[in-house]
Amino acid sequence: MPKFTTARFNALTGPPELFERVRFKMQDVRVLKTHARHVQDRGYERDAPFDKLQDFDPDRWRLMTVEVRTDKGKFVNSAWSVDVDGQEWWVVIGFDSTMKTVIRAARGKLALGADIVRSGELYDFVASVNRQLMFDDRLT
């Protein structure tokens, strides 16, 4: 269990600065790690095609949600949607390109539930933090 509180934002309603930051940090094709016990268990239960889900390509995958630390405004994981052989899968990616879980999703799933932050003080804080992070990265 994380020792910090998180909040979830959706790509349709969240701060653009946050989603720009996640796309920037996740811009490279990579092989996702599947060593976490939870993802192995969920993958087995859901008959997940790990051989295909491990090949992360941000140009083919769609960023859906992002979770951030509420104290720092920085992202800790992101959920992406990808079609594999006609089935939509959501893959949650955490630190160091590690899959946290896989979900066999209904086509068109949006994840716009009540837990999604859409406005307010935290929204503004996260936007500000990620705007500054992107500015700093452009200077280096």
Foldseek 3Di string as FASTA:
>chain_A
DDPFDKAKAWPVQAQPLQVVLVCVVVVDWFFADEPDPQAVVQCVVVVPPSVVVRGDHVVQKAWTMFMDGLVQLHTFWTWIWHDDPNWIKIWIAGPPRYTPHIDGDDPPDRPPDPRHDRDDDSRVNNNVNSVVVVVVVVVD
